[in-house]
Protein backbone atom coordinates (compact mmCIF):
# COMPACT_ATOMS: atom_id res chain seq x y z
CA MET A 1 88.10 107.48 127.49
CA ARG A 2 91.63 107.90 126.15
CA LEU A 3 91.59 109.52 122.73
CA SER A 4 95.16 108.80 121.63
CA ALA A 5 94.56 105.65 119.57
CA ALA A 6 92.90 107.32 116.60
CA PRO A 7 96.00 109.20 115.42
CA ARG A 8 97.69 105.81 115.30
CA PHE A 9 95.55 105.11 112.23
CA LEU A 10 95.79 108.59 110.80
CA LEU A 11 99.58 108.71 110.95
CA SER A 12 99.75 105.39 109.17
CA PHE A 13 97.37 106.16 106.37
CA VAL A 14 96.72 109.82 105.79
CA LEU A 15 100.24 110.19 104.40
CA LEU A 16 99.53 107.42 101.91
CA PHE A 17 97.01 109.54 100.01
CA GLY A 18 97.14 108.40 96.40
CA PHE A 19 97.12 111.14 93.76
CA ALA A 20 96.70 114.82 94.40
CA ALA A 21 93.06 115.80 94.54
CA GLY A 22 93.24 117.67 91.27
CA ALA A 23 95.05 114.97 89.30
CA ARG A 24 93.31 113.93 86.09
CA ALA A 25 92.39 110.29 85.55
CA VAL A 26 94.21 108.66 82.67
CA ASP A 27 92.29 107.77 79.54
CA SER A 28 92.34 104.06 80.39
CA VAL A 29 89.95 104.65 83.31
CA PRO A 30 86.35 105.22 82.16
CA ALA A 31 83.79 107.24 84.06
CA ALA A 32 82.32 105.62 87.15
CA PRO A 33 78.98 103.83 86.72
CA ASP A 34 75.70 105.70 87.03
CA LEU A 35 73.92 104.02 89.93
CA PRO A 36 70.32 104.29 91.25
CA VAL A 37 71.30 105.50 94.73
CA ARG A 38 71.27 108.88 96.43
CA ALA A 39 75.00 108.97 97.17
CA TYR A 40 77.99 106.66 96.87
CA ALA A 41 81.75 106.49 97.26
CA LEU A 42 84.39 103.98 96.20
CA VAL A 43 87.60 104.27 98.23
CA ASP A 44 90.94 102.51 97.99
CA TYR A 45 91.74 101.09 101.42
CA ALA A 46 95.53 101.40 101.19
CA SER A 47 95.60 105.10 100.41
CA GLY A 48 92.17 106.46 101.27
CA ARG A 49 91.93 107.83 97.75
CA VAL A 50 88.36 108.34 96.51
CA LEU A 51 88.22 106.53 93.17
CA ALA A 52 84.60 107.39 92.40
CA ASP A 53 81.76 109.17 94.12
CA LYS A 54 78.36 110.75 93.78
CA LEU A 55 77.44 113.41 96.34
CA GLY A 56 80.09 111.91 98.58
CA GLU A 57 80.17 114.95 100.89
CA GLU A 58 76.39 115.29 101.23
CA ARG A 59 75.02 114.73 104.71
CA VAL A 60 72.58 111.84 104.70
CA GLU A 61 70.88 109.58 107.19
CA PRO A 62 73.15 106.55 107.76
CA ALA A 63 70.62 104.28 109.48
CA SER A 64 72.30 101.24 111.07
CA ILE A 65 75.67 102.02 109.48
CA THR A 66 75.81 104.18 112.62
CA LYS A 67 76.68 100.98 114.47
CA LEU A 68 80.17 101.06 112.92
CA MET A 69 80.86 104.16 115.00
CA ALA A 70 79.34 102.53 118.06
CA ALA A 71 81.47 99.46 117.39
CA TYR A 72 84.65 101.53 117.15
CA VAL A 73 84.01 102.98 120.61
CA ILE A 74 83.23 99.52 122.02
CA TYR A 75 86.34 97.93 120.52
CA GLU A 76 88.47 100.73 121.95
CA ALA A 77 86.94 100.12 125.37
CA ILE A 78 87.91 96.45 125.05
CA ARG A 79 91.44 97.42 123.99
CA GLU A 80 91.76 99.69 127.01
CA GLY A 81 90.51 96.98 129.37
CA LYS A 82 87.34 98.88 130.26
CA MET A 83 85.18 96.00 129.04
CA LYS A 84 85.83 92.30 128.58
CA LEU A 85 84.15 89.96 126.14
CA ASP A 86 82.96 87.78 129.01
CA ASP A 87 81.36 90.67 130.90
CA GLN A 88 77.77 89.90 131.81
CA VAL A 89 75.83 92.86 130.42
CA LEU A 90 72.43 93.81 131.82
CA ILE A 91 69.61 94.14 129.30
CA SER A 92 67.80 97.15 130.73
CA GLU A 93 64.18 97.89 129.97
CA ASN A 94 65.39 100.86 127.93
CA ALA A 95 67.56 98.61 125.77
CA TRP A 96 64.85 95.97 125.52
CA ARG A 97 62.26 98.52 124.37
CA THR A 98 64.45 100.13 121.71
CA GLU A 99 62.56 99.93 118.43
CA GLY A 100 63.90 98.51 115.19
CA SER A 101 65.96 95.38 114.52
CA ARG A 102 66.64 93.14 117.52
CA MET A 103 68.61 90.14 118.69
CA PHE A 104 65.74 89.35 121.11
CA ALA A 105 67.62 89.49 124.39
CA GLU A 106 65.28 89.21 127.38
CA VAL A 107 64.66 92.21 129.61
CA ASN A 108 66.61 92.22 132.91
CA SER A 109 68.69 89.25 131.76
CA ARG A 110 72.49 89.34 131.63
CA VAL A 111 74.15 88.45 128.34
CA PRO A 112 77.89 88.04 127.63
CA ALA A 113 79.31 91.08 125.86
CA ASP A 114 80.69 88.83 123.12
CA ALA A 115 77.18 87.58 122.27
CA LEU A 116 75.84 91.13 122.25
CA LEU A 117 78.60 92.16 119.85
CA MET A 118 77.58 89.34 117.53
CA GLY A 119 73.97 90.47 117.80
CA MET A 120 74.95 94.05 117.02
CA VAL A 121 77.23 93.17 114.08
CA ILE A 122 75.33 90.32 112.41
CA GLN A 123 71.72 90.90 113.43
CA SER A 124 72.04 94.71 113.69
CA GLY A 125 70.31 94.41 117.05
CA ASN A 126 69.35 97.76 118.51
CA ASP A 127 68.71 96.11 121.88
CA ALA A 128 72.25 94.70 121.90
CA THR A 129 73.76 98.05 120.86
CA VAL A 130 72.00 100.06 123.55
CA ALA A 131 72.85 97.47 126.23
CA LEU A 132 76.54 97.65 125.32
CA ALA A 133 76.41 101.46 125.27
CA GLU A 134 74.88 101.55 128.74
CA HIS A 135 77.40 99.02 130.04
CA ILE A 136 80.36 101.09 128.85
CA ALA A 137 79.16 104.63 129.52
CA GLY A 138 76.27 104.31 131.98
CA SER A 139 73.74 105.70 129.52
CA GLU A 140 73.23 105.81 125.78
CA SER A 141 73.49 109.61 125.74
CA THR A 142 76.92 109.56 127.40
CA PHE A 143 78.02 106.84 124.99
CA VAL A 144 76.89 109.00 122.07
CA ASP A 145 79.14 111.77 123.39
CA LEU A 146 82.03 109.31 123.09
CA MET A 147 80.95 108.47 119.55
CA ASN A 148 81.08 112.13 118.57
CA LYS A 149 84.47 112.61 120.23
CA TRP A 150 85.91 109.62 118.39
CA ALA A 151 84.35 110.81 115.15
CA LYS A 152 86.26 114.07 115.55
CA GLN A 153 89.49 112.19 116.33
CA LEU A 154 89.08 110.08 113.20
CA GLY A 155 88.51 113.13 111.02
CA LEU A 156 84.82 112.50 110.32
CA THR A 157 84.20 116.20 109.82
CA ARG A 158 80.69 115.90 108.40
CA SER A 159 79.22 113.36 110.80
CA HIS A 160 77.15 113.80 113.95
CA PHE A 161 75.37 111.23 116.09
CA MET A 162 72.31 111.50 118.29
CA ASN A 163 71.96 107.81 119.18
CA ALA A 164 73.99 104.60 119.05
CA THR A 165 71.71 102.67 116.72
CA GLY A 166 70.96 104.87 113.70
CA LEU A 167 67.30 105.56 114.42
CA PRO A 168 66.16 108.67 112.50
CA HIS A 169 66.88 112.11 113.97
CA PRO A 170 67.28 115.45 112.15
CA ASP A 171 70.74 116.01 113.68
CA HIS A 172 72.00 112.47 113.07
CA TYR A 173 73.96 112.24 109.82
CA MET A 174 77.08 111.05 108.01
CA THR A 175 78.49 111.29 104.48
CA ALA A 176 79.62 108.56 102.10
CA HIS A 177 83.21 109.80 102.45
CA ASP A 178 83.06 109.75 106.26
CA ILE A 179 81.56 106.25 106.26
CA ALA A 180 84.39 104.96 104.08
CA LYS A 181 86.95 106.65 106.34
CA LEU A 182 85.36 105.06 109.41
CA ALA A 183 85.32 101.63 107.77
CA ARG A 184 89.04 101.98 106.95
CA ALA A 185 89.81 102.90 110.55
CA LEU A 186 87.83 99.98 111.94
CA ILE A 187 89.45 97.45 109.59
CA HIS A 188 92.93 98.77 110.33
CA ASP A 189 92.69 99.36 114.08
CA PHE A 190 90.68 96.28 115.06
CA PRO A 191 91.40 93.44 112.60
CA GLU A 192 90.42 90.73 115.09
CA GLN A 193 87.05 92.35 115.73
CA TYR A 194 86.55 93.08 112.03
CA ALA A 195 86.43 89.31 111.40
CA ARG A 196 82.92 89.35 112.90
CA TYR A 197 81.58 91.21 109.86
CA ALA A 198 82.19 88.22 107.56
CA ILE A 199 80.03 85.86 109.67
CA LYS A 200 76.84 85.01 107.84
CA GLU A 201 74.49 84.07 110.68
CA PHE A 202 74.15 84.07 114.45
CA THR A 203 71.79 82.21 116.75
CA TYR A 204 70.69 83.61 120.08
CA ASN A 205 67.74 82.60 122.26
CA ASN A 206 67.01 79.81 119.73
CA ILE A 207 66.49 82.42 117.02
CA THR A 208 68.81 82.30 114.00
CA GLN A 209 69.19 85.49 111.99
CA HIS A 210 71.27 86.02 108.88
CA ASN A 211 73.68 88.81 108.10
CA ARG A 212 71.80 91.30 105.91
CA ASN A 213 74.85 91.90 103.71
CA ARG A 214 73.89 89.68 100.75
CA LEU A 215 77.25 90.24 99.07
CA LEU A 216 78.77 87.86 101.63
CA TRP A 217 77.00 85.11 99.69
CA LEU A 218 77.41 86.55 96.20
CA ASP A 219 81.07 87.65 96.15
CA PRO A 220 83.74 85.57 97.90
CA SER A 221 86.10 88.55 98.03
CA VAL A 222 83.67 90.46 100.29
CA ASP A 223 84.41 90.18 104.02
CA GLY A 224 82.15 92.93 105.47
CA VAL A 225 80.93 95.34 106.49
CA LYS A 226 77.40 96.78 107.40
CA THR A 227 73.89 97.38 106.12
CA GLY A 228 71.40 100.03 107.10
CA HIS A 229 67.76 100.75 106.37
CA THR A 230 64.93 102.98 107.49
CA SER A 231 62.02 104.29 105.50
CA SER A 232 63.60 107.76 105.42
CA ALA A 233 67.21 106.65 104.79
CA GLY A 234 66.41 104.03 102.18
CA TYR A 235 68.62 100.98 101.73
CA CYS A 236 72.28 101.58 102.61
CA LEU A 237 75.38 99.40 102.51
CA VAL A 238 79.08 99.78 103.15
CA THR A 239 81.08 96.87 101.73
CA SER A 240 84.72 95.89 101.79
CA ALA A 241 86.36 93.39 99.45
CA LYS A 242 89.93 92.16 99.11
CA ARG A 243 91.31 90.81 95.84
CA GLU A 244 95.01 89.97 95.40
CA GLN A 245 96.99 92.80 97.07
CA GLY A 246 94.20 95.39 97.00
CA ARG A 247 91.18 96.19 99.16
CA MET A 248 88.30 98.43 98.15
CA ILE A 249 85.53 99.98 100.25
CA ALA A 250 82.20 100.78 98.59
CA VAL A 251 79.51 102.90 100.23
CA VAL A 252 76.01 103.22 98.77
CA LEU A 253 73.31 105.28 100.45
CA GLY A 254 69.63 105.86 99.78
CA ALA A 255 68.79 103.02 97.39
CA LYS A 256 65.06 102.55 96.87
CA ALA A 257 65.20 98.74 97.03
CA GLU A 258 67.36 96.20 98.81
CA LYS A 259 68.45 94.67 95.49
CA ASP A 260 69.64 98.09 94.30
CA ARG A 261 72.09 98.52 97.18
CA VAL A 262 73.48 95.06 96.42
CA SER A 263 73.87 95.59 92.67
CA ALA A 264 75.25 99.11 93.13
CA SER A 265 77.84 97.93 95.63
CA GLN A 266 78.88 95.07 93.37
CA ALA A 267 79.16 97.45 90.41
CA LEU A 268 81.42 99.82 92.36
CA LEU A 269 83.70 97.03 93.56
CA ASN A 270 83.97 95.57 90.07
CA TYR A 271 84.75 99.01 88.65
CA GLY A 272 87.53 99.56 91.18
CA PHE A 273 89.19 96.19 90.74
CA SER A 274 88.80 96.27 86.96
CA PHE A 275 90.56 99.58 86.38
CA TYR A 276 92.91 99.99 89.35
CA THR A 277 95.66 97.86 90.81
CA THR A 278 97.52 98.00 94.12
CA ARG A 279 101.30 97.63 94.22
CA LEU A 280 102.91 96.76 97.55
CA MET A 281 105.98 99.01 97.62
CA HIS A 282 107.43 98.08 101.02
CA GLU A 283 106.59 95.71 103.87
CA ALA A 284 106.33 96.95 107.44
CA GLY A 285 109.22 96.41 109.85
CA VAL A 286 111.89 95.85 107.17
CA ALA A 287 115.03 98.02 107.35
CA LEU A 288 115.07 100.30 104.30
CA ALA A 289 118.05 102.36 105.49
CA GLU A 290 120.67 102.18 108.27
CA PRO A 291 122.03 105.69 108.73
CA ARG A 292 124.68 106.80 111.18
CA VAL A 293 123.30 107.68 114.61
CA TRP A 294 125.41 110.04 116.69
CA LEU A 295 125.96 109.97 120.45
CA GLY A 296 124.49 106.47 120.74
CA ASP A 297 125.62 103.12 122.08
CA THR A 298 125.56 101.86 118.48
CA GLU A 299 126.47 103.53 115.19
CA LYS A 300 123.65 102.27 112.97
CA LEU A 301 119.92 102.92 113.21
CA PRO A 302 117.61 100.67 111.15
CA LEU A 303 114.75 102.67 109.65
CA GLY A 304 111.61 101.25 108.06
CA LEU A 305 107.83 101.58 107.89
CA ALA A 306 105.33 101.05 110.68
CA GLU A 307 102.71 99.98 108.13
CA PRO A 308 102.93 98.29 104.73
CA LEU A 309 103.08 100.87 101.96
CA GLY A 310 100.62 100.01 99.20
CA VAL A 311 99.84 102.34 96.32
CA THR A 312 96.80 102.04 94.07
CA VAL A 313 97.12 103.34 90.50
CA PRO A 314 95.32 102.80 87.21
CA LYS A 315 96.12 99.44 85.66
CA GLY A 316 99.10 99.57 83.34
CA LYS A 317 100.80 102.32 85.37
CA ALA A 318 102.26 100.34 88.26
CA GLU A 319 105.55 99.60 86.49
CA GLY A 320 106.30 103.32 86.46
CA LEU A 321 106.18 103.66 90.26
CA LYS A 322 109.48 104.68 91.87
CA SER A 323 110.35 104.74 95.56
CA GLU A 324 112.84 107.14 97.16
CA ILE A 325 114.16 106.86 100.73
CA GLN A 326 114.73 110.26 102.36
CA VAL A 327 116.61 110.17 105.69
CA ASP A 328 117.09 113.08 108.08
CA PRO A 329 120.61 114.51 107.66
CA GLN A 330 121.61 114.08 111.30
CA ILE A 331 120.18 111.70 113.88
CA GLU A 332 121.25 111.85 117.52
CA ALA A 333 120.64 109.44 120.41
CA PRO A 334 118.64 108.75 122.41
CA VAL A 335 116.26 107.41 119.77
CA GLY A 336 112.93 105.79 120.58
CA ARG A 337 111.47 102.96 118.57
CA GLY A 338 108.80 104.39 116.25
CA SER A 339 110.21 107.92 116.16
CA VAL A 340 110.20 109.51 112.70
CA HIS A 341 113.53 110.18 110.96
CA GLY A 342 112.62 110.65 107.33
CA LYS A 343 110.10 109.46 104.80
CA VAL A 344 109.52 107.23 101.82
CA VAL A 345 108.29 109.06 98.73
CA VAL A 346 106.63 107.19 95.87
CA THR A 347 106.40 108.91 92.49
CA LEU A 348 104.76 108.17 89.16
CA ASP A 349 105.81 110.08 86.05
CA GLY A 350 107.61 112.58 88.27
CA ASN A 351 104.57 113.26 90.49
CA THR A 352 104.40 112.27 94.14
CA VAL A 353 101.60 109.74 94.63
CA ALA A 354 102.31 108.50 98.16
CA GLU A 355 104.37 109.30 101.23
CA ALA A 356 104.96 107.38 104.44
CA PRO A 357 107.01 108.20 107.56
CA LEU A 358 110.35 106.42 107.99
CA VAL A 359 110.55 105.30 111.63
CA ALA A 360 113.16 103.82 113.95
CA LEU A 361 112.80 100.04 114.16
CA GLN A 362 114.63 99.85 117.50
CA ASP A 363 115.67 101.96 120.48
CA VAL A 364 119.14 103.46 120.61
CA ALA A 365 120.36 104.60 124.02
CA GLU A 366 123.00 107.24 124.67
CA GLY A 367 126.55 106.03 124.47
CA SER A 368 129.20 106.35 127.15
CA PHE A 369 130.71 109.71 128.08
CA PHE A 370 133.85 109.06 126.04
CA SER A 371 131.97 107.80 122.95
CA ARG A 372 129.70 110.86 123.04
CA LEU A 373 132.72 113.14 123.43
CA LEU A 374 134.33 111.55 120.38
CA ASP A 375 131.11 111.89 118.40
CA HIS A 376 130.87 115.59 119.31
CA ILE A 377 134.38 116.10 117.94
CA LEU A 378 133.55 114.16 114.76
CA MET A 379 130.27 116.07 114.29
CA LEU A 380 132.14 119.37 114.61
CA PHE A 381 134.73 118.18 112.11
CA HIS A 382 132.00 117.19 109.63
CA LYS A 383 130.38 120.61 109.93
CA LEU A 384 133.70 122.35 109.32
CA ILE A 385 134.46 120.37 106.15
CA GLY A 386 130.86 120.12 105.01
């Protein structure tokens, strides 16, 4: 499988990291809530900044949250044309016998991939997940190899998978930080597929099952993402909510009761939206600068952002944000659309809080021989007087 799509997300978002890791929170932001869970993390979607956490780097059993990693691999296979939503997927005996939650597909039947995805996302069906894994990679073990390769590509440095479903295994683990990073990648890279996670119920084989994420009913701003539970992992939940311009991702792991993972997730989201605000600094695809381009068939090169630049800061601080456009001193054709020629730097009180690459919004081909000759003369003249 091609492994070039993951950096697409990383280039867009890693540079938008909010405050430096050692920056002190301002007095207006109180301490994060004390929650009855083993580990948690609250992450700002726009920047990836961890706003609050408890043992966020501790390796824990993720249970069915594992299926977010499986889903990422499946969605990439669809993007690459290696699987279609109308593929008829065989339900092998191995998939049918997989223990745990099920969508109740019949053994040796063929089920459309789209229905299996719904069963995996909404019903957390282990049978559906294994069937899709076998369809894409031939076996679940080979599919798990792809999961681990994609985890590495996405920067999930403290995650390792032994199966596609999240069934317990000593060498199968994630961290709250890695789960939040994975959720960000999935939301960003596959927005059409992410819409599945807001669906509250799905019926297959005359059996209707409800999405286990209770916050879909309790909080209208919540639009995903995944639950998990085993006796050893406890009750787990990764949730995403969007309010006004901001999106937050909350991860809670190891709650002792189902109600605790719900209340803890709600508390984290409320904390984030109560004390932080997101300011959209620049839209994507809008020319922020038009510098001179040398040796080209045109003199101006529009530069802008490939992704919207949003910055999350404590409430009351957004008015102090300042944006500076920094363009490379000399740009020469040919220029490819999307190539980087500078950056946007956002500061607050003199400190850099976000950066994003400034990219070409169009191609610029080489100019004619005579126009390039003239430009060479002008460039030499500029160097002599500069």
